Amino acid sequence: MSWVSANKDLVAVKRWPLDGDVGPRRTISGQVRPFMFDLSVLANAAGDTVVGFTRFFSRPDGTRWVPISVYRPAGGPWGPPLRVADTDAQARLAVLALQEAGDVEAAWQDGVRDDQLLAIRYSFLSAP
């Protein structure tokens, strides 16, 4: 399971195997303030897991929406948060797919305002 802390400053997970007790809390993100959206969790039959979310950054040249994913191979540790979008433009509403081999695919909306051209973008993250 995955959730955002009450003050919305980090993303945490707990593993809950079918035949066991809920595991310890693990923080899998750094600070996600001021905002974080679109939290999702995926697991495959092998036990690989990926958590996705969109971070909001406020920068001097404008705000940015950045889709992030955090991957955990079956039986292994959580990896670092990685940018899903390969752009520095506005990107949000990422949708992740976790393949049986552990590879992660992502699609996201590029551009966020009514007066901008919106496009759907795609990336592929190979399993470690």
N, C-alpha and C. Protein backbone atom coordinates (compact mmCIF):
# COMPACT_ATOMS: atom_id res chain seq x y z
N MET A 1 0.84 -1.16 0.00
CA MET A 1 0.00 0.00 0.00
C MET A 1 0.89 1.22 0.00
N SER A 2 0.36 2.34 -0.48
CA SER A 2 1.13 3.58 -0.56
C SER A 2 0.23 4.74 -0.18
N TRP A 3 0.81 5.79 0.39
CA TRP A 3 0.04 6.96 0.77
C TRP A 3 0.95 8.17 0.85
N VAL A 4 0.32 9.33 0.95
CA VAL A 4 1.02 10.59 1.15
C VAL A 4 0.84 10.96 2.61
N SER A 5 1.90 11.47 3.25
CA SER A 5 1.80 11.84 4.65
C SER A 5 0.75 12.93 4.86
N ALA A 6 0.27 13.06 6.07
CA ALA A 6 -0.81 14.00 6.37
C ALA A 6 -0.48 15.43 5.97
N ASN A 7 0.77 15.83 6.11
CA ASN A 7 1.13 17.19 5.72
C ASN A 7 1.65 17.26 4.28
N LYS A 8 1.46 16.17 3.53
CA LYS A 8 1.77 16.09 2.10
C LYS A 8 3.23 16.41 1.78
N ASP A 9 4.15 15.93 2.63
CA ASP A 9 5.54 16.24 2.35
C ASP A 9 6.36 15.03 1.92
N LEU A 10 5.79 13.82 1.94
CA LEU A 10 6.52 12.65 1.46
C LEU A 10 5.56 11.54 1.08
N VAL A 11 6.08 10.57 0.31
CA VAL A 11 5.32 9.40 -0.09
C VAL A 11 5.90 8.20 0.66
N ALA A 12 5.04 7.39 1.26
CA ALA A 12 5.48 6.23 2.04
C ALA A 12 4.73 4.98 1.57
N VAL A 13 5.32 3.82 1.84
CA VAL A 13 4.71 2.54 1.47
C VAL A 13 4.85 1.55 2.63
N LYS A 14 3.98 0.54 2.61
CA LYS A 14 4.10 -0.63 3.48
C LYS A 14 3.78 -1.84 2.62
N ARG A 15 4.51 -2.91 2.84
CA ARG A 15 4.26 -4.16 2.14
C ARG A 15 3.35 -5.02 3.01
N TRP A 16 2.35 -5.62 2.38
CA TRP A 16 1.39 -6.45 3.10
C TRP A 16 1.20 -7.76 2.34
N PRO A 17 2.05 -8.76 2.60
CA PRO A 17 1.92 -10.03 1.89
C PRO A 17 0.63 -10.75 2.30
N LEU A 18 0.10 -11.53 1.38
CA LEU A 18 -1.15 -12.24 1.65
C LEU A 18 -1.04 -13.17 2.85
N ASP A 19 0.13 -13.76 3.05
CA ASP A 19 0.28 -14.73 4.13
C ASP A 19 1.06 -14.20 5.33
N GLY A 20 1.06 -12.88 5.51
CA GLY A 20 1.85 -12.33 6.61
C GLY A 20 1.30 -11.02 7.14
N ASP A 21 2.09 -10.42 8.02
CA ASP A 21 1.72 -9.16 8.64
C ASP A 21 2.18 -7.98 7.79
N VAL A 22 1.58 -6.84 8.05
CA VAL A 22 1.98 -5.61 7.38
C VAL A 22 3.41 -5.28 7.78
N GLY A 23 4.23 -4.95 6.78
CA GLY A 23 5.63 -4.63 7.03
C GLY A 23 5.81 -3.22 7.55
N PRO A 24 7.07 -2.83 7.79
CA PRO A 24 7.35 -1.49 8.30
C PRO A 24 7.13 -0.42 7.24
N ARG A 25 6.90 0.77 7.70
CA ARG A 25 6.75 1.92 6.81
C ARG A 25 8.10 2.26 6.18
N ARG A 26 8.09 2.52 4.87
CA ARG A 26 9.28 2.96 4.15
C ARG A 26 8.95 4.26 3.43
N THR A 27 9.78 5.26 3.61
CA THR A 27 9.62 6.51 2.87
C THR A 27 10.35 6.34 1.54
N ILE A 28 9.66 6.57 0.42
CA ILE A 28 10.26 6.34 -0.89
C ILE A 28 10.44 7.62 -1.70
N SER A 29 10.19 8.76 -1.10
CA SER A 29 10.38 10.02 -1.81
C SER A 29 11.09 11.01 -0.90
N GLY A 30 11.66 12.02 -1.50
CA GLY A 30 12.12 13.16 -0.72
C GLY A 30 10.92 14.07 -0.49
N GLN A 31 11.18 15.30 -0.16
CA GLN A 31 10.10 16.27 0.03
C GLN A 31 9.28 16.40 -1.26
N VAL A 32 7.97 16.35 -1.16
CA VAL A 32 7.10 16.53 -2.32
C VAL A 32 6.26 17.79 -2.19
N ARG A 33 6.64 18.67 -1.28
CA ARG A 33 5.92 19.93 -1.14
C ARG A 33 6.24 20.82 -2.31
N PRO A 34 5.40 21.76 -2.71
CA PRO A 34 4.17 22.10 -2.02
C PRO A 34 3.00 21.18 -2.37
N PHE A 35 3.07 20.44 -3.50
CA PHE A 35 1.93 19.61 -3.88
C PHE A 35 2.41 18.31 -4.52
N MET A 36 1.57 17.28 -4.41
CA MET A 36 1.79 16.00 -5.04
C MET A 36 0.42 15.45 -5.43
N PHE A 37 0.32 14.89 -6.64
CA PHE A 37 -0.96 14.39 -7.15
C PHE A 37 -0.77 13.03 -7.81
N ASP A 38 -1.89 12.42 -8.19
CA ASP A 38 -1.91 11.24 -9.07
C ASP A 38 -1.15 10.05 -8.53
N LEU A 39 -1.28 9.73 -7.25
CA LEU A 39 -0.58 8.60 -6.65
C LEU A 39 -1.14 7.30 -7.21
N SER A 40 -0.26 6.39 -7.63
CA SER A 40 -0.68 5.08 -8.12
C SER A 40 0.33 4.02 -7.68
N VAL A 41 -0.14 2.78 -7.54
CA VAL A 41 0.71 1.66 -7.15
C VAL A 41 0.41 0.50 -8.08
N LEU A 42 1.45 -0.13 -8.61
CA LEU A 42 1.29 -1.30 -9.48
C LEU A 42 2.21 -2.41 -9.00
N ALA A 43 1.76 -3.65 -9.11
CA ALA A 43 2.61 -4.81 -8.81
C ALA A 43 2.31 -5.89 -9.84
N ASN A 44 3.31 -6.68 -10.18
CA ASN A 44 3.08 -7.79 -11.10
C ASN A 44 3.13 -9.11 -10.31
N ALA A 45 2.89 -10.22 -11.00
CA ALA A 45 2.83 -11.53 -10.34
C ALA A 45 4.17 -11.92 -9.73
N ALA A 46 5.26 -11.42 -10.28
CA ALA A 46 6.59 -11.74 -9.75
C ALA A 46 6.90 -11.01 -8.45
N GLY A 47 6.13 -9.95 -8.14
CA GLY A 47 6.36 -9.18 -6.93
C GLY A 47 7.07 -7.86 -7.14
N ASP A 48 7.39 -7.53 -8.40
CA ASP A 48 7.95 -6.20 -8.69
C ASP A 48 6.87 -5.17 -8.42
N THR A 49 7.26 -4.00 -7.93
CA THR A 49 6.31 -2.94 -7.58
C THR A 49 6.81 -1.61 -8.08
N VAL A 50 5.90 -0.76 -8.54
CA VAL A 50 6.25 0.61 -8.91
C VAL A 50 5.18 1.53 -8.34
N VAL A 51 5.63 2.65 -7.79
CA VAL A 51 4.74 3.70 -7.30
C VAL A 51 4.97 4.92 -8.18
N GLY A 52 3.88 5.53 -8.62
CA GLY A 52 3.98 6.74 -9.44
C GLY A 52 3.24 7.89 -8.80
N PHE A 53 3.73 9.10 -9.03
CA PHE A 53 3.05 10.31 -8.56
C PHE A 53 3.55 11.49 -9.37
N THR A 54 2.82 12.59 -9.31
CA THR A 54 3.21 13.81 -10.01
C THR A 54 3.55 14.87 -8.99
N ARG A 55 4.76 15.42 -9.10
CA ARG A 55 5.20 16.50 -8.20
C ARG A 55 4.97 17.84 -8.87
N PHE A 56 4.66 18.81 -8.05
CA PHE A 56 4.48 20.19 -8.49
C PHE A 56 5.66 21.00 -7.97
N PHE A 57 6.39 21.65 -8.86
CA PHE A 57 7.52 22.50 -8.48
C PHE A 57 7.19 23.94 -8.82
N SER A 58 7.51 24.84 -7.93
CA SER A 58 7.39 26.27 -8.21
C SER A 58 8.80 26.80 -8.44
N ARG A 59 9.03 27.33 -9.66
CA ARG A 59 10.37 27.81 -10.02
C ARG A 59 10.29 29.26 -10.46
N PRO A 60 11.41 29.97 -10.45
CA PRO A 60 11.41 31.38 -10.88
C PRO A 60 10.87 31.58 -12.29
N ASP A 61 11.10 30.59 -13.17
CA ASP A 61 10.62 30.72 -14.55
C ASP A 61 9.24 30.10 -14.76
N GLY A 62 8.56 29.77 -13.69
CA GLY A 62 7.22 29.20 -13.79
C GLY A 62 7.12 27.88 -13.06
N THR A 63 5.91 27.38 -12.97
CA THR A 63 5.68 26.11 -12.27
C THR A 63 5.88 24.94 -13.21
N ARG A 64 6.15 23.79 -12.64
CA ARG A 64 6.35 22.57 -13.42
C ARG A 64 5.63 21.41 -12.74
N TRP A 65 5.03 20.56 -13.56
CA TRP A 65 4.46 19.29 -13.12
C TRP A 65 5.41 18.21 -13.62
N VAL A 66 5.88 17.34 -12.74
CA VAL A 66 6.86 16.33 -13.12
C VAL A 66 6.41 14.95 -12.63
N PRO A 67 6.09 14.03 -13.56
CA PRO A 67 5.75 12.67 -13.15
C PRO A 67 7.00 11.94 -12.63
N ILE A 68 6.84 11.24 -11.51
CA ILE A 68 7.93 10.53 -10.84
C ILE A 68 7.52 9.07 -10.66
N SER A 69 8.49 8.15 -10.74
CA SER A 69 8.23 6.75 -10.40
C SER A 69 9.32 6.25 -9.46
N VAL A 70 8.94 5.31 -8.60
CA VAL A 70 9.89 4.66 -7.69
C VAL A 70 9.66 3.15 -7.84
N TYR A 71 10.73 2.42 -8.15
CA TYR A 71 10.64 1.00 -8.50
C TYR A 71 11.25 0.13 -7.41
N ARG A 72 10.61 -1.02 -7.16
CA ARG A 72 11.15 -2.02 -6.23
C ARG A 72 11.07 -3.39 -6.89
N PRO A 73 12.23 -4.00 -7.21
CA PRO A 73 12.19 -5.36 -7.75
C PRO A 73 11.76 -6.34 -6.67
N ALA A 74 11.19 -7.45 -7.08
CA ALA A 74 10.73 -8.47 -6.13
C ALA A 74 11.86 -8.84 -5.17
N GLY A 75 11.60 -8.73 -3.87
CA GLY A 75 12.56 -9.08 -2.86
C GLY A 75 13.70 -8.10 -2.67
N GLY A 76 13.70 -7.02 -3.43
CA GLY A 76 14.80 -6.05 -3.36
C GLY A 76 14.38 -4.76 -2.67
N PRO A 77 15.31 -3.81 -2.60
CA PRO A 77 15.02 -2.52 -1.96
C PRO A 77 14.36 -1.55 -2.94
N TRP A 78 13.73 -0.53 -2.40
CA TRP A 78 13.17 0.54 -3.23
C TRP A 78 14.31 1.33 -3.86
N GLY A 79 14.16 1.66 -5.12
CA GLY A 79 15.15 2.48 -5.81
C GLY A 79 14.88 3.95 -5.56
N PRO A 80 15.66 4.81 -6.21
CA PRO A 80 15.47 6.25 -6.04
C PRO A 80 14.28 6.75 -6.86
N PRO A 81 13.69 7.87 -6.49
CA PRO A 81 12.66 8.49 -7.32
C PRO A 81 13.27 8.91 -8.66
N LEU A 82 12.61 8.56 -9.76
CA LEU A 82 13.10 8.90 -11.10
C LEU A 82 12.05 9.70 -11.86
N ARG A 83 12.49 10.68 -12.63
CA ARG A 83 11.58 11.43 -13.50
C ARG A 83 11.10 10.51 -14.61
N VAL A 84 9.81 10.45 -14.82
CA VAL A 84 9.24 9.66 -15.90
C VAL A 84 9.33 10.43 -17.21
N ALA A 85 8.98 11.69 -17.17
CA ALA A 85 8.97 12.52 -18.38
C ALA A 85 10.39 12.95 -18.73
N ASP A 86 10.72 12.88 -19.99
CA ASP A 86 12.05 13.28 -20.46
C ASP A 86 12.05 14.73 -20.94
N THR A 87 11.21 15.54 -20.34
CA THR A 87 11.07 16.93 -20.76
C THR A 87 11.11 17.83 -19.53
N ASP A 88 11.46 19.09 -19.73
CA ASP A 88 11.42 20.06 -18.64
C ASP A 88 10.15 20.90 -18.74
N ALA A 89 9.30 20.55 -19.69
CA ALA A 89 8.04 21.27 -19.87
C ALA A 89 7.01 20.79 -18.86
N GLN A 90 5.81 21.29 -18.97
CA GLN A 90 4.72 20.84 -18.11
C GLN A 90 4.35 19.41 -18.48
N ALA A 91 4.38 18.51 -17.54
CA ALA A 91 4.01 17.12 -17.78
C ALA A 91 3.26 16.62 -16.56
N ARG A 92 2.11 15.99 -16.78
CA ARG A 92 1.34 15.48 -15.65
C ARG A 92 0.41 14.37 -16.10
N LEU A 93 -0.38 13.87 -15.16
CA LEU A 93 -1.35 12.80 -15.41
C LEU A 93 -0.68 11.57 -16.00
N ALA A 94 0.46 11.18 -15.44
CA ALA A 94 1.16 10.00 -15.92
C ALA A 94 0.37 8.74 -15.60
N VAL A 95 0.37 7.82 -16.54
CA VAL A 95 -0.23 6.50 -16.37
C VAL A 95 0.90 5.50 -16.55
N LEU A 96 1.09 4.62 -15.57
CA LEU A 96 2.16 3.64 -15.62
C LEU A 96 1.61 2.26 -15.91
N ALA A 97 2.42 1.43 -16.57
CA ALA A 97 2.12 0.02 -16.79
C ALA A 97 3.35 -0.77 -16.38
N LEU A 98 3.16 -1.83 -15.61
CA LEU A 98 4.27 -2.68 -15.15
C LEU A 98 4.15 -4.02 -15.84
N GLN A 99 5.14 -4.35 -16.66
CA GLN A 99 5.13 -5.61 -17.40
C GLN A 99 5.60 -6.76 -16.52
N GLU A 100 5.31 -7.98 -16.93
CA GLU A 100 5.69 -9.16 -16.14
C GLU A 100 7.21 -9.27 -15.98
N ALA A 101 7.99 -8.77 -16.94
CA ALA A 101 9.45 -8.81 -16.85
C ALA A 101 9.99 -7.74 -15.90
N GLY A 102 9.12 -6.85 -15.40
CA GLY A 102 9.54 -5.79 -14.48
C GLY A 102 9.77 -4.46 -15.15
N ASP A 103 9.64 -4.39 -16.47
CA ASP A 103 9.79 -3.12 -17.18
C ASP A 103 8.58 -2.23 -16.93
N VAL A 104 8.82 -0.93 -16.87
CA VAL A 104 7.75 0.04 -16.63
C VAL A 104 7.57 0.89 -17.87
N GLU A 105 6.32 1.05 -18.30
CA GLU A 105 6.00 1.94 -19.40
C GLU A 105 5.16 3.08 -18.84
N ALA A 106 5.30 4.26 -19.43
CA ALA A 106 4.57 5.43 -18.94
C ALA A 106 4.08 6.27 -20.11
N ALA A 107 2.91 6.84 -19.94
CA ALA A 107 2.38 7.84 -20.87
C ALA A 107 1.91 9.00 -20.01
N TRP A 108 2.04 10.23 -20.54
CA TRP A 108 1.65 11.41 -19.77
C TRP A 108 1.20 12.52 -20.69
N GLN A 109 0.50 13.46 -20.11
CA GLN A 109 0.03 14.65 -20.82
C GLN A 109 1.15 15.68 -20.78
N ASP A 110 1.49 16.23 -21.93
CA ASP A 110 2.54 17.24 -22.03
C ASP A 110 1.88 18.57 -22.33
N GLY A 111 1.90 19.50 -21.37
CA GLY A 111 1.19 20.77 -21.49
C GLY A 111 -0.04 20.73 -20.60
N VAL A 112 -0.34 21.84 -19.89
CA VAL A 112 -1.41 21.77 -18.91
C VAL A 112 -2.44 22.88 -19.00
N ARG A 113 -2.30 23.83 -19.91
CA ARG A 113 -3.26 24.92 -19.96
C ARG A 113 -4.16 24.83 -21.19
N ASP A 114 -5.30 25.47 -21.10
CA ASP A 114 -6.24 25.44 -22.22
C ASP A 114 -5.66 26.06 -23.48
N ASP A 115 -4.76 27.03 -23.33
CA ASP A 115 -4.23 27.71 -24.50
C ASP A 115 -2.95 27.05 -25.03
N GLN A 116 -2.56 25.90 -24.50
CA GLN A 116 -1.38 25.19 -24.97
C GLN A 116 -1.79 23.98 -25.79
N LEU A 117 -0.92 23.61 -26.70
CA LEU A 117 -1.10 22.37 -27.42
C LEU A 117 -0.77 21.22 -26.48
N LEU A 118 -1.66 20.27 -26.36
CA LEU A 118 -1.43 19.12 -25.50
C LEU A 118 -1.01 17.94 -26.34
N ALA A 119 -0.10 17.14 -25.83
CA ALA A 119 0.36 15.96 -26.53
C ALA A 119 0.50 14.83 -25.53
N ILE A 120 0.38 13.62 -26.00
CA ILE A 120 0.62 12.45 -25.17
C ILE A 120 2.04 11.98 -25.46
N ARG A 121 2.83 11.80 -24.43
CA ARG A 121 4.22 11.37 -24.56
C ARG A 121 4.37 10.00 -23.92
N TYR A 122 5.51 9.34 -24.19
CA TYR A 122 5.71 7.96 -23.77
C TYR A 122 7.17 7.74 -23.38
N SER A 123 7.42 6.91 -22.39
CA SER A 123 8.79 6.49 -22.07
C SER A 123 8.78 5.04 -21.62
N PHE A 124 9.95 4.42 -21.68
CA PHE A 124 10.12 3.02 -21.31
C PHE A 124 11.29 2.94 -20.34
N LEU A 125 11.09 2.37 -19.16
CA LEU A 125 12.13 2.23 -18.15
C LEU A 125 12.40 0.74 -17.96
N SER A 126 13.57 0.28 -18.36
CA SER A 126 13.90 -1.14 -18.24
C SER A 126 14.10 -1.53 -16.79
N ALA A 127 13.72 -2.75 -16.48
CA ALA A 127 13.94 -3.27 -15.13
C ALA A 127 15.43 -3.35 -14.88
N PRO A 128 15.87 -3.07 -13.65
CA PRO A 128 17.31 -3.14 -13.34
C PRO A 128 17.83 -4.56 -13.43
